[in-house]
C-alpha atoms as a PDB file:
ATOM      1  CA  MET A   1       0.926 -73.157 -92.142  1.00  0.00           C
ATOM      2  CA  LYS A   2      -1.018 -73.744 -88.945  1.00  0.00           C
ATOM      3  CA  VAL A   3       0.662 -75.931 -86.339  1.00  0.00           C
ATOM      4  CA  VAL A   4      -1.448 -78.534 -84.530  1.00  0.00           C
ATOM      5  CA  ILE A   5      -0.130 -79.889 -81.226  1.00  0.00           C
ATOM      6  CA  LEU A   6      -1.700 -82.904 -79.529  1.00  0.00           C
ATOM      7  CA  ALA A   7      -1.673 -82.036 -75.837  1.00  0.00           C
ATOM      8  CA  GLY A   8      -4.589 -83.903 -74.279  1.00  0.00           C
ATOM      9  CA  GLY A   9      -3.258 -87.264 -73.108  1.00  0.00           C
ATOM     10  CA  PHE A  10      -2.939 -88.476 -69.519  1.00  0.00           C
ATOM     11  CA  GLY A  11       0.859 -88.941 -69.522  1.00  0.00           C
ATOM     12  CA  THR A  12       0.626 -91.869 -67.123  1.00  0.00           C
ATOM     13  CA  ARG A  13       4.274 -92.905 -67.544  1.00  0.00           C
ATOM     14  CA  LEU A  14       5.318 -89.527 -66.137  1.00  0.00           C
ATOM     15  CA  ALA A  15       2.986 -89.727 -63.154  1.00  0.00           C
ATOM     16  CA  GLU A  16       5.499 -87.978 -60.873  1.00  0.00           C
ATOM     17  CA  TYR A  17       4.474 -84.750 -62.599  1.00  0.00           C
ATOM     18  CA  THR A  18       1.247 -85.443 -64.477  1.00  0.00           C
ATOM     19  CA  SER A  19      -0.850 -86.003 -61.379  1.00  0.00           C
ATOM     20  CA  SER A  20      -1.056 -82.206 -61.204  1.00  0.00           C
ATOM     21  CA  VAL A  21      -0.403 -80.998 -64.773  1.00  0.00           C
ATOM     22  CA  PRO A  22      -0.774 -82.444 -68.297  1.00  0.00           C
ATOM     23  CA  LYS A  23       2.482 -83.747 -69.742  1.00  0.00           C
ATOM     24  CA  PRO A  24       2.935 -80.871 -72.235  1.00  0.00           C
ATOM     25  CA  MET A  25       2.962 -78.535 -69.219  1.00  0.00           C
ATOM     26  CA  VAL A  26       5.828 -80.299 -67.449  1.00  0.00           C
ATOM     27  CA  PHE A  27       8.634 -77.762 -67.295  1.00  0.00           C
ATOM     28  CA  VAL A  28      12.027 -78.084 -68.959  1.00  0.00           C
ATOM     29  CA  GLY A  29      14.016 -75.282 -67.418  1.00  0.00           C
ATOM     30  CA  ASP A  30      11.754 -72.299 -66.841  1.00  0.00           C
ATOM     31  CA  LYS A  31       9.215 -73.125 -69.572  1.00  0.00           C
ATOM     32  CA  PRO A  32       6.838 -76.070 -70.190  1.00  0.00           C
ATOM     33  CA  ILE A  33       7.893 -78.482 -72.913  1.00  0.00           C
ATOM     34  CA  ILE A  34       5.018 -77.369 -75.139  1.00  0.00           C
ATOM     35  CA  TRP A  35       6.526 -73.863 -75.143  1.00  0.00           C
ATOM     36  CA  HIS A  36       9.854 -75.258 -76.358  1.00  0.00           C
ATOM     37  CA  ILE A  37       8.040 -77.165 -79.135  1.00  0.00           C
ATOM     38  CA  MET A  38       6.162 -74.039 -80.204  1.00  0.00           C
ATOM     39  CA  ASN A  39       9.380 -72.050 -80.145  1.00  0.00           C
ATOM     40  CA  THR A  40      10.920 -74.505 -82.622  1.00  0.00           C
ATOM     41  CA  TYR A  41       8.106 -73.861 -85.088  1.00  0.00           C
ATOM     42  CA  ALA A  42       8.182 -70.108 -84.455  1.00  0.00           C
ATOM     43  CA  LYS A  43      11.904 -70.108 -85.278  1.00  0.00           C
ATOM     44  CA  TYR A  44      10.896 -71.047 -88.836  1.00  0.00           C
ATOM     45  CA  GLY A  45       8.081 -68.501 -89.022  1.00  0.00           C
ATOM     46  CA  HIS A  46       5.150 -70.787 -88.140  1.00  0.00           C
ATOM     47  CA  LYS A  47       3.368 -68.996 -85.302  1.00  0.00           C
ATOM     48  CA  LYS A  48      -0.304 -69.976 -85.574  1.00  0.00           C
ATOM     49  CA  PHE A  49      -1.001 -72.862 -83.215  1.00  0.00           C
ATOM     50  CA  ILE A  50      -4.038 -75.069 -82.648  1.00  0.00           C
ATOM     51  CA  ILE A  51      -3.635 -76.992 -79.404  1.00  0.00           C
ATOM     52  CA  ALA A  52      -5.781 -80.076 -78.792  1.00  0.00           C
ATOM     53  CA  LEU A  53      -6.540 -80.168 -75.076  1.00  0.00           C
ATOM     54  CA  GLY A  54      -8.004 -82.892 -72.872  1.00  0.00           C
ATOM     55  CA  TYR A  55      -6.574 -83.950 -69.526  1.00  0.00           C
ATOM     56  CA  LYS A  56      -6.290 -80.925 -67.187  1.00  0.00           C
ATOM     57  CA  SER A  57      -6.973 -78.564 -70.093  1.00  0.00           C
ATOM     58  CA  GLN A  58      -7.424 -75.624 -67.735  1.00  0.00           C
ATOM     59  CA  VAL A  59      -3.744 -75.756 -66.770  1.00  0.00           C
ATOM     60  CA  VAL A  60      -2.743 -75.054 -70.379  1.00  0.00           C
ATOM     61  CA  LYS A  61      -5.383 -72.334 -70.764  1.00  0.00           C
ATOM     62  CA  ASP A  62      -4.359 -70.623 -67.538  1.00  0.00           C
ATOM     63  CA  TYR A  63      -0.684 -70.620 -68.505  1.00  0.00           C
ATOM     64  CA  PHE A  64      -1.210 -68.931 -71.864  1.00  0.00           C
ATOM     65  CA  LEU A  65      -4.019 -66.641 -70.701  1.00  0.00           C
ATOM     66  CA  ASN A  66      -1.685 -65.355 -67.979  1.00  0.00           C
ATOM     67  CA  TYR A  67       1.513 -65.583 -70.017  1.00  0.00           C
ATOM     68  CA  LYS A  68       2.323 -61.870 -69.901  1.00  0.00           C
ATOM     69  CA  GLN A  69       1.810 -61.670 -66.143  1.00  0.00           C
ATOM     70  CA  LEU A  70       3.856 -64.799 -65.511  1.00  0.00           C
ATOM     71  CA  ASN A  71       6.796 -63.556 -67.570  1.00  0.00           C
ATOM     72  CA  SER A  72       6.921 -59.865 -66.614  1.00  0.00           C
ATOM     73  CA  ASP A  73       7.949 -57.679 -63.709  1.00  0.00           C
ATOM     74  CA  CYS A  74       4.989 -55.540 -62.755  1.00  0.00           C
ATOM     75  CA  ASP A  75       3.403 -53.064 -60.329  1.00  0.00           C
ATOM     76  CA  ILE A  76      -0.139 -53.845 -59.134  1.00  0.00           C
ATOM     77  CA  ASN A  77      -2.515 -51.341 -57.558  1.00  0.00           C
ATOM     78  CA  LEU A  78      -4.853 -53.484 -55.492  1.00  0.00           C
ATOM     79  CA  ALA A  79      -7.273 -50.590 -54.987  1.00  0.00           C
ATOM     80  CA  THR A  80      -7.833 -49.912 -58.683  1.00  0.00           C
ATOM     81  CA  GLY A  81      -6.750 -53.199 -60.234  1.00  0.00           C
ATOM     82  CA  GLU A  82      -4.318 -51.369 -62.502  1.00  0.00           C
ATOM     83  CA  VAL A  83      -1.192 -53.222 -63.609  1.00  0.00           C
ATOM     84  CA  PHE A  84       1.983 -51.601 -64.906  1.00  0.00           C
ATOM     85  CA  TYR A  85       4.480 -53.884 -66.621  1.00  0.00           C
ATOM     86  CA  HIS A  86       8.214 -53.304 -66.410  1.00  0.00           C
ATOM     87  CA  SER A  87      10.716 -55.518 -68.241  1.00  0.00           C
ATOM     88  CA  SER A  88       8.977 -58.346 -70.023  1.00  0.00           C
ATOM     89  CA  ASN A  89       9.918 -61.643 -71.635  1.00  0.00           C
ATOM     90  CA  SER A  90       6.426 -62.046 -73.040  1.00  0.00           C
ATOM     91  CA  THR A  91       6.740 -60.215 -76.360  1.00  0.00           C
ATOM     92  CA  LEU A  92       5.771 -63.191 -78.510  1.00  0.00           C
ATOM     93  CA  ASP A  93       3.679 -62.747 -81.650  1.00  0.00           C
ATOM     94  CA  TRP A  94       2.201 -66.249 -81.523  1.00  0.00           C
ATOM     95  CA  GLU A  95      -1.506 -66.879 -82.133  1.00  0.00           C
ATOM     96  CA  LEU A  96      -3.142 -69.742 -80.217  1.00  0.00           C
ATOM     97  CA  THR A  97      -6.415 -71.597 -80.641  1.00  0.00           C
ATOM     98  CA  LEU A  98      -7.032 -73.750 -77.561  1.00  0.00           C
ATOM     99  CA  VAL A  99      -9.611 -76.490 -78.136  1.00  0.00           C
ATOM    100  CA  ASP A 100     -10.975 -78.957 -75.598  1.00  0.00           C
ATOM    101  CA  THR A 101     -11.065 -82.241 -77.554  1.00  0.00           C
ATOM    102  CA  GLY A 102     -12.404 -84.433 -74.749  1.00  0.00           C
ATOM    103  CA  LEU A 103     -10.899 -86.210 -71.784  1.00  0.00           C
ATOM    104  CA  ASN A 104     -10.788 -89.750 -73.232  1.00  0.00           C
ATOM    105  CA  THR A 105     -10.452 -88.981 -76.950  1.00  0.00           C
ATOM    106  CA  MET A 106      -7.664 -90.814 -78.787  1.00  0.00           C
ATOM    107  CA  THR A 107      -4.967 -89.058 -80.838  1.00  0.00           C
ATOM    108  CA  GLY A 108      -6.772 -89.444 -84.167  1.00  0.00           C
ATOM    109  CA  GLY A 109     -10.062 -88.372 -82.651  1.00  0.00           C
ATOM    110  CA  ARG A 110      -8.471 -85.236 -81.228  1.00  0.00           C
ATOM    111  CA  LEU A 111      -7.167 -84.315 -84.654  1.00  0.00           C
ATOM    112  CA  LYS A 112     -10.557 -84.962 -86.257  1.00  0.00           C
ATOM    113  CA  ARG A 113     -12.226 -82.618 -83.761  1.00  0.00           C
ATOM    114  CA  LEU A 114      -9.951 -79.818 -84.970  1.00  0.00           C
ATOM    115  CA  GLN A 115     -11.085 -80.098 -88.583  1.00  0.00           C
ATOM    116  CA  LYS A 116     -13.111 -76.866 -88.617  1.00  0.00           C
ATOM    117  CA  PHE A 117     -10.176 -74.929 -87.165  1.00  0.00           C
ATOM    118  CA  ILE A 118      -7.671 -76.380 -89.635  1.00  0.00           C
ATOM    119  CA  GLY A 119      -9.762 -75.662 -92.715  1.00  0.00           C
ATOM    120  CA  ASN A 120      -8.944 -76.847 -96.217  1.00  0.00           C
ATOM    121  CA  GLU A 121      -5.206 -76.291 -96.173  1.00  0.00           C
ATOM    122  CA  SER A 122      -2.002 -78.186 -95.505  1.00  0.00           C
ATOM    123  CA  PHE A 123      -0.977 -78.153 -91.858  1.00  0.00           C
ATOM    124  CA  LEU A 124       1.773 -79.177 -89.469  1.00  0.00           C
ATOM    125  CA  LEU A 125       1.220 -81.620 -86.614  1.00  0.00           C
ATOM    126  CA  THR A 126       3.245 -82.910 -83.711  1.00  0.00           C
ATOM    127  CA  TYR A 127       2.914 -84.362 -80.231  1.00  0.00           C
ATOM    128  CA  GLY A 128       3.194 -82.275 -77.068  1.00  0.00           C
ATOM    129  CA  ASP A 129       6.106 -84.190 -75.567  1.00  0.00           C
ATOM    130  CA  GLY A 130       8.987 -84.315 -78.067  1.00  0.00           C
ATOM    131  CA  LEU A 131      11.801 -81.884 -78.896  1.00  0.00           C
ATOM    132  CA  SER A 132      13.884 -81.877 -82.062  1.00  0.00           C
ATOM    133  CA  ASN A 133      16.075 -79.635 -84.162  1.00  0.00           C
ATOM    134  CA  VAL A 134      14.362 -80.780 -87.359  1.00  0.00           C
ATOM    135  CA  ASN A 135      14.427 -78.046 -90.008  1.00  0.00           C
ATOM    136  CA  ILE A 136      10.710 -77.354 -90.392  1.00  0.00           C
ATOM    137  CA  ASN A 137      11.038 -75.491 -93.681  1.00  0.00           C
ATOM    138  CA  GLN A 138      13.124 -78.261 -95.232  1.00  0.00           C
ATOM    139  CA  LEU A 139      10.488 -80.729 -94.016  1.00  0.00           C
ATOM    140  CA  ILE A 140       7.747 -78.698 -95.734  1.00  0.00           C
ATOM    141  CA  LYS A 141       9.797 -78.457 -98.932  1.00  0.00           C
ATOM    142  CA  PHE A 142      10.250 -82.240 -98.949  1.00  0.00           C
ATOM    143  CA  HIS A 143       6.496 -82.688 -98.492  1.00  0.00           C
ATOM    144  CA  LYS A 144       5.583 -80.326-101.314  1.00  0.00           C
ATOM    145  CA  ASN A 145       8.035 -81.978-103.678  1.00  0.00           C
ATOM    146  CA  HIS A 146       6.661 -85.521-103.327  1.00  0.00           C
ATOM    147  CA  LYS A 147       2.989 -84.373-103.455  1.00  0.00           C
ATOM    148  CA  LYS A 148       1.713 -87.203-101.252  1.00  0.00           C
ATOM    149  CA  MET A 149      -0.913 -86.896 -98.498  1.00  0.00           C
ATOM    150  CA  ILE A 150       1.281 -87.078 -95.411  1.00  0.00           C
ATOM    151  CA  THR A 151       4.909 -86.779 -94.364  1.00  0.00           C
ATOM    152  CA  LEU A 152       6.187 -87.878 -90.982  1.00  0.00           C
ATOM    153  CA  THR A 153       9.609 -87.217 -89.576  1.00  0.00           C
ATOM    154  CA  ALA A 154      11.607 -90.420 -89.142  1.00  0.00           C
ATOM    155  CA  VAL A 155      14.165 -90.485 -86.330  1.00  0.00           C
ATOM    156  CA  ARG A 156      16.487 -93.035 -84.770  1.00  0.00           C
ATOM    157  CA  PRO A 157      16.123 -93.174 -80.982  1.00  0.00           C
ATOM    158  CA  ASN A 158      16.585 -96.139 -78.690  1.00  0.00           C
ATOM    159  CA  ALA A 159      14.433 -99.147 -79.631  1.00  0.00           C
ATOM    160  CA  ARG A 160      11.197 -98.298 -77.829  1.00  0.00           C
ATOM    161  CA  PHE A 161       8.783 -97.196 -80.547  1.00  0.00           C
ATOM    162  CA  GLY A 162       7.041 -98.325 -83.728  1.00  0.00           C
ATOM    163  CA  GLU A 163       9.292 -98.972 -86.702  1.00  0.00           C
ATOM    164  CA  LEU A 164       9.277 -97.706 -90.262  1.00  0.00           C
ATOM    165  CA  GLU A 165      10.920 -99.305 -93.275  1.00  0.00           C
ATOM    166  CA  ILE A 166      11.880 -96.645 -95.820  1.00  0.00           C
ATOM    167  CA  SER A 167      12.741 -97.240 -99.476  1.00  0.00           C
ATOM    168  CA  GLN A 168      15.486 -95.509-101.426  1.00  0.00           C
ATOM    169  CA  ASN A 169      13.029 -92.880-102.737  1.00  0.00           C
ATOM    170  CA  ASN A 170      11.858 -92.207 -99.142  1.00  0.00           C
ATOM    171  CA  SER A 171       8.407 -93.773 -99.466  1.00  0.00           C
ATOM    172  CA  VAL A 172       7.283 -95.805 -96.467  1.00  0.00           C
ATOM    173  CA  ASP A 173       7.486 -99.545 -97.241  1.00  0.00           C
ATOM    174  CA  SER A 174       6.184-100.702 -93.871  1.00  0.00           C
ATOM    175  CA  PHE A 175       4.447 -99.164 -90.870  1.00  0.00           C
ATOM    176  CA  VAL A 176       4.417-101.396 -87.767  1.00  0.00           C
ATOM    177  CA  GLU A 177       3.646-100.290 -84.204  1.00  0.00           C
ATOM    178  CA  LYS A 178       6.366-101.234 -81.677  1.00  0.00           C
ATOM    179  CA  PRO A 179       8.067-104.321 -83.199  1.00  0.00           C
ATOM    180  CA  GLN A 180      11.680-105.397 -82.887  1.00  0.00           C
ATOM    181  CA  LEU A 181      13.715-102.815 -84.785  1.00  0.00           C
ATOM    182  CA  LYS A 182      15.242-103.530 -88.177  1.00  0.00           C
ATOM    183  CA  GLN A 183      16.420-100.289 -89.799  1.00  0.00           C
ATOM    184  CA  GLY A 184      16.041 -98.308 -86.584  1.00  0.00           C
ATOM    185  CA  TRP A 185      13.774 -95.565 -87.999  1.00  0.00           C
ATOM    186  CA  VAL A 186      10.676 -94.642 -85.990  1.00  0.00           C
ATOM    187  CA  ASN A 187       7.851 -92.119 -86.180  1.00  0.00           C
ATOM    188  CA  GLY A 188       9.126 -88.981 -84.454  1.00  0.00           C
ATOM    189  CA  GLY A 189       6.072 -86.811 -85.090  1.00  0.00           C
ATOM    190  CA  PHE A 190       6.622 -83.452 -86.834  1.00  0.00           C
ATOM    191  CA  PHE A 191       4.160 -84.221 -89.633  1.00  0.00           C
ATOM    192  CA  VAL A 192       3.093 -82.273 -92.690  1.00  0.00           C
ATOM    193  CA  ILE A 193      -0.449 -83.266 -93.651  1.00  0.00           C
ATOM    194  CA  GLU A 194      -2.980 -82.574 -96.386  1.00  0.00           C
ATOM    195  CA  PRO A 195      -6.518 -81.996 -95.032  1.00  0.00           C
ATOM    196  CA  LYS A 196      -8.042 -84.953 -96.918  1.00  0.00           C
ATOM    197  CA  PHE A 197      -6.091 -87.223 -94.560  1.00  0.00           C
ATOM    198  CA  LEU A 198      -8.687 -86.378 -91.906  1.00  0.00           C
ATOM    199  CA  ASN A 199     -11.167 -88.519 -93.859  1.00  0.00           C
ATOM    200  CA  PHE A 200      -9.200 -91.572 -92.680  1.00  0.00           C
ATOM    201  CA  ILE A 201     -10.151 -90.806 -89.066  1.00  0.00           C
ATOM    202  CA  LYS A 202     -13.424 -92.435 -88.038  1.00  0.00           C
ATOM    203  CA  ASP A 203     -14.272 -91.086 -84.578  1.00  0.00           C
ATOM    204  CA  ASP A 204     -13.009 -90.242 -81.084  1.00  0.00           C
ATOM    205  CA  ASN A 205     -11.796 -93.807 -80.542  1.00  0.00           C
ATOM    206  CA  THR A 206      -9.383 -93.727 -83.488  1.00  0.00           C
ATOM    207  CA  TYR A 207      -5.650 -93.741 -82.812  1.00  0.00           C
ATOM    208  CA  LEU A 208      -3.756 -91.608 -85.322  1.00  0.00           C
ATOM    209  CA  GLU A 209      -0.918 -94.146 -85.299  1.00  0.00           C
ATOM    210  CA  ARG A 210      -3.098 -97.114 -86.256  1.00  0.00           C
ATOM    211  CA  GLU A 211      -5.774 -97.164 -88.970  1.00  0.00           C
ATOM    212  CA  PRO A 212      -5.234 -93.639 -90.404  1.00  0.00           C
ATOM    213  CA  LEU A 213      -1.478 -93.928 -90.922  1.00  0.00           C
ATOM    214  CA  VAL A 214      -1.729 -97.576 -91.985  1.00  0.00           C
ATOM    215  CA  ASN A 215      -4.401 -96.642 -94.547  1.00  0.00           C
ATOM    216  CA  ALA A 216      -2.207 -93.832 -95.867  1.00  0.00           C
ATOM    217  CA  TYR A 217       0.664 -96.294 -96.190  1.00  0.00           C
ATOM    218  CA  GLU A 218      -1.518 -98.836 -98.012  1.00  0.00           C
ATOM    219  CA  GLN A 219      -2.568 -96.163-100.505  1.00  0.00           C
ATOM    220  CA  ASN A 220       1.064 -95.143-101.055  1.00  0.00           C
ATOM    221  CA  GLN A 221       0.387 -91.739 -99.508  1.00  0.00           C
ATOM    222  CA  LEU A 222       2.812 -91.887 -96.573  1.00  0.00           C
ATOM    223  CA  MET A 223       6.342 -90.519 -96.901  1.00  0.00           C
ATOM    224  CA  ALA A 224       9.187 -90.191 -94.406  1.00  0.00           C
ATOM    225  CA  TYR A 225      11.540 -87.271 -93.945  1.00  0.00           C
ATOM    226  CA  LYS A 226      14.740 -88.725 -92.481  1.00  0.00           C
ATOM    227  CA  HIS A 227      16.081 -86.630 -89.634  1.00  0.00           C
ATOM    228  CA  ASN A 228      19.526 -87.583 -88.372  1.00  0.00           C
ATOM    229  CA  GLY A 229      19.813 -84.735 -85.903  1.00  0.00           C
ATOM    230  CA  PHE A 230      18.567 -84.291 -82.366  1.00  0.00           C
ATOM    231  CA  TRP A 231      15.243 -85.786 -81.241  1.00  0.00           C
ATOM    232  CA  GLN A 232      14.139 -86.647 -77.733  1.00  0.00           C
ATOM    233  CA  CYS A 233      10.711 -87.368 -76.303  1.00  0.00           C
ATOM    234  CA  MET A 234       9.739 -86.923 -72.655  1.00  0.00           C
ATOM    235  CA  ASP A 235       8.152 -90.278 -71.946  1.00  0.00           C
ATOM    236  CA  ASN A 236       9.313 -90.798 -68.361  1.00  0.00           C
ATOM    237  CA  LYS A 237      11.289 -89.163 -65.554  1.00  0.00           C
ATOM    238  CA  ARG A 238      14.606 -90.301 -67.014  1.00  0.00           C
ATOM    239  CA  ASP A 239      13.776 -88.471 -70.250  1.00  0.00           C
ATOM    240  CA  LYS A 240      12.709 -85.398 -68.299  1.00  0.00           C
ATOM    241  CA  ASP A 241      15.963 -85.345 -66.342  1.00  0.00           C
ATOM    242  CA  LEU A 242      17.945 -85.674 -69.586  1.00  0.00           C
ATOM    243  CA  LEU A 243      16.122 -82.742 -71.171  1.00  0.00           C
ATOM    244  CA  GLU A 244      16.757 -80.665 -68.055  1.00  0.00           C
ATOM    245  CA  LYS A 245      20.506 -81.307 -68.388  1.00  0.00           C
ATOM    246  CA  LEU A 246      20.479 -80.542 -72.106  1.00  0.00           C
ATOM    247  CA  ASN A 247      18.584 -77.325 -71.463  1.00  0.00           C
ATOM    248  CA  THR A 248      21.594 -75.954 -69.585  1.00  0.00           C
ATOM    249  CA  LEU A 249      23.629 -75.994 -72.806  1.00  0.00           C
ATOM    250  CA  SER A 250      23.836 -72.787 -74.824  1.00  0.00           C
ATOM    251  CA  PRO A 251      21.983 -73.299 -77.035  1.00  0.00           C
ATOM    252  CA  PRO A 252      20.168 -76.544 -76.138  1.00  0.00           C
ATOM    253  CA  PRO A 253      20.427 -79.151 -78.899  1.00  0.00           C
ATOM    254  CA  TRP A 254      16.842 -78.654 -80.122  1.00  0.00           C
ATOM    255  CA  LEU A 255      17.756 -75.086 -81.102  1.00  0.00           C
ATOM    256  CA  ASN A 256      21.005 -75.952 -82.918  1.00  0.00           C
END
């Protein structure tokens, strides 16, 4: 399956870093967080990525266009322009499609703009600022078994996000954006989606988390995969500092 990553937002709550780079390019250790997200998918064999760009899109393009140079020892002949690479940490077999989806486009609109790249097949989707050790293949298996339009990964962080109510058969009984928590489950990203879901997205001004997901819920097409393991977003500097500390573990919790 292709993996879509939403990486175009302004990241205003992490302004200490996002004044110069988009949030998905804020480093955790020696790699940007988007690299860690992609590595999670690649671990399960999903290595074709479509990245929705917007704010400071060139930073993301430059990083991946120059990935081999940035992650290799090399000799450079300035007279001829020849480059000889020594040891390299750049031997990744990932395939990337980088798409500028507009500076002010909302999350749903960004996804809609990727429709021609996604094609008529099921796909994976997540945000460019959250790490998890969710088992991607188990998530896909769950999605295929229930045969509904969309599966999101439900997680239980601190009470800061929109809440889900989930029935005993794992269907979503309620989808509310940022209320007081009841069960404690929230939308953690890491979706599996059927392409017809894109018909719920009207235009660039559509938030994925509002009308499209609410419409899917109302048509009984929204299911939740409960993940009790590690999940952490990078919403502010405190989150970034936490991820930096966790990255020093061997392995970090998102790779357990």
